[in-house]
């Protein structure tokens, strides 16, 4: 993928997460997990943008690894959330799939950068 496409894809992921969490039931557990999910989902793209502006190959690889880690963390928080409806469960599963695909893409970038 082109860098721009992946930057756009990570932005869309973060925006879709934000739309999703607005629909979730508000309870103590969800509120804390939502905060963590919002942070990690935004960090996926932010670190990828930083990678594209890196000054060295080592810095690039480290930022991409962080993006992969944040995608994995986002997937974790998504799995913890209580949805309360089939429609929200479907949306969550789509986001989990996207987080997993992003993890694989970033993992591939790291492998190819060695």
Protein backbone atom coordinates (compact mmCIF):
# COMPACT_ATOMS: atom_id res chain seq x y z
CA UNK A 1 0.00 0.00 0.00
CA UNK A 2 1.03 3.57 -0.55
CA UNK A 3 1.90 5.52 2.58
CA UNK A 4 -1.00 7.89 2.02
CA UNK A 5 -3.46 5.02 1.74
CA UNK A 6 -2.35 3.55 5.06
CA UNK A 7 -2.40 6.95 6.74
CA UNK A 8 -5.96 7.40 5.48
CA UNK A 9 -6.94 3.89 6.52
CA UNK A 10 -5.68 4.40 10.06
CA UNK A 11 -7.54 7.72 10.24
CA UNK A 12 -10.76 6.03 9.13
CA UNK A 13 -10.19 3.31 11.74
CA UNK A 14 -9.85 5.89 14.53
CA UNK A 15 -12.97 7.74 13.32
CA UNK A 16 -15.00 4.53 13.09
CA UNK A 17 -13.95 3.61 16.64
CA UNK A 18 -15.17 7.00 17.84
CA UNK A 19 -18.54 6.57 16.10
CA UNK A 20 -18.86 3.09 17.57
CA UNK A 21 -18.13 4.05 21.18
CA UNK A 22 -20.74 6.82 21.10
CA UNK A 23 -23.40 4.09 20.78
CA UNK A 24 -22.18 1.88 23.61
CA UNK A 25 -23.93 1.47 26.97
CA UNK A 26 -22.46 3.74 29.61
CA UNK A 27 -21.31 1.77 32.63
CA UNK A 28 -18.19 1.95 34.75
CA UNK A 29 -16.28 -0.79 32.93
CA UNK A 30 -17.16 0.48 29.47
CA UNK A 31 -16.24 4.06 30.29
CA UNK A 32 -12.69 3.16 31.26
CA UNK A 33 -12.26 0.74 28.36
CA UNK A 34 -13.63 3.37 25.94
CA UNK A 35 -11.00 5.87 27.11
CA UNK A 36 -8.24 3.34 26.53
CA UNK A 37 -9.66 2.34 23.13
CA UNK A 38 -9.88 5.94 21.93
CA UNK A 39 -6.26 6.54 22.92
CA UNK A 40 -4.89 3.41 21.30
CA UNK A 41 -6.96 3.66 18.10
CA UNK A 42 -5.76 7.22 17.50
CA UNK A 43 -2.21 6.27 18.31
CA UNK A 44 -2.14 3.68 15.51
CA UNK A 45 -2.25 6.37 12.83
CA UNK A 46 -0.35 9.01 14.76
CA UNK A 47 2.66 6.71 15.10
CA UNK A 48 2.45 5.70 11.46
CA UNK A 49 2.54 9.36 10.44
CA UNK A 50 5.58 9.78 12.70
CA UNK A 51 7.18 6.76 11.01
CA UNK A 52 6.75 8.38 7.61
CA UNK A 53 8.53 11.49 8.90
CA UNK A 54 11.31 9.55 10.62
CA UNK A 55 14.93 10.56 10.27
CA UNK A 56 16.36 7.05 10.12
CA UNK A 57 15.38 3.52 9.17
CA UNK A 58 15.72 2.46 12.81
CA UNK A 59 13.29 5.18 13.90
CA UNK A 60 10.90 4.22 11.08
CA UNK A 61 10.87 0.57 12.15
CA UNK A 62 10.36 1.50 15.81
CA UNK A 63 7.36 3.73 15.00
CA UNK A 64 5.79 1.06 12.81
CA UNK A 65 6.25 -1.45 15.64
CA UNK A 66 4.48 0.98 17.97
CA UNK A 67 1.64 1.30 15.44
CA UNK A 68 1.35 -2.49 15.38
CA UNK A 69 1.34 -2.59 19.18
CA UNK A 70 -1.38 0.08 19.35
CA UNK A 71 -3.52 -1.81 16.81
CA UNK A 72 -3.16 -4.93 18.96
CA UNK A 73 -4.09 -2.95 22.05
CA UNK A 74 -7.13 -1.49 20.27
CA UNK A 75 -8.26 -5.00 19.41
CA UNK A 76 -7.92 -5.97 23.08
CA UNK A 77 -10.06 -3.05 24.30
CA UNK A 78 -12.67 -3.75 21.61
CA UNK A 79 -12.97 -7.33 22.86
CA UNK A 80 -13.52 -6.16 26.45
CA UNK A 81 -16.39 -3.77 25.73
CA UNK A 82 -19.99 -4.69 26.53
CA UNK A 83 -22.13 -3.95 23.50
CA UNK A 84 -25.62 -5.00 24.57
CA UNK A 85 -26.98 -5.48 21.02
CA UNK A 86 -26.44 -7.58 17.91
CA UNK A 87 -25.98 -4.48 15.75
CA UNK A 88 -23.19 -3.16 17.97
CA UNK A 89 -21.68 -6.64 18.14
CA UNK A 90 -21.46 -6.67 14.33
CA UNK A 91 -19.81 -3.25 14.32
CA UNK A 92 -17.35 -4.35 16.98
CA UNK A 93 -16.42 -7.45 14.99
CA UNK A 94 -15.73 -5.32 11.90
CA UNK A 95 -13.45 -3.08 13.97
CA UNK A 96 -11.66 -6.10 15.43
CA UNK A 97 -11.07 -7.41 11.90
CA UNK A 98 -9.71 -4.02 10.82
CA UNK A 99 -7.41 -3.82 13.85
CA UNK A 100 -6.13 -7.32 13.05
CA UNK A 101 -5.53 -6.42 9.41
CA UNK A 102 -3.64 -3.28 10.46
CA UNK A 103 -1.50 -5.39 12.80
CA UNK A 104 -0.64 -7.72 9.92
CA UNK A 105 0.16 -4.84 7.57
CA UNK A 106 2.46 -3.21 10.11
CA UNK A 107 4.07 -6.57 10.86
CA UNK A 108 4.74 -7.05 7.16
CA UNK A 109 6.28 -3.57 6.90
CA UNK A 110 8.59 -4.39 9.82
CA UNK A 111 9.65 -7.69 8.22
CA UNK A 112 10.32 -6.05 4.84
CA UNK A 113 12.32 -3.29 6.52
CA UNK A 114 14.88 -5.71 7.98
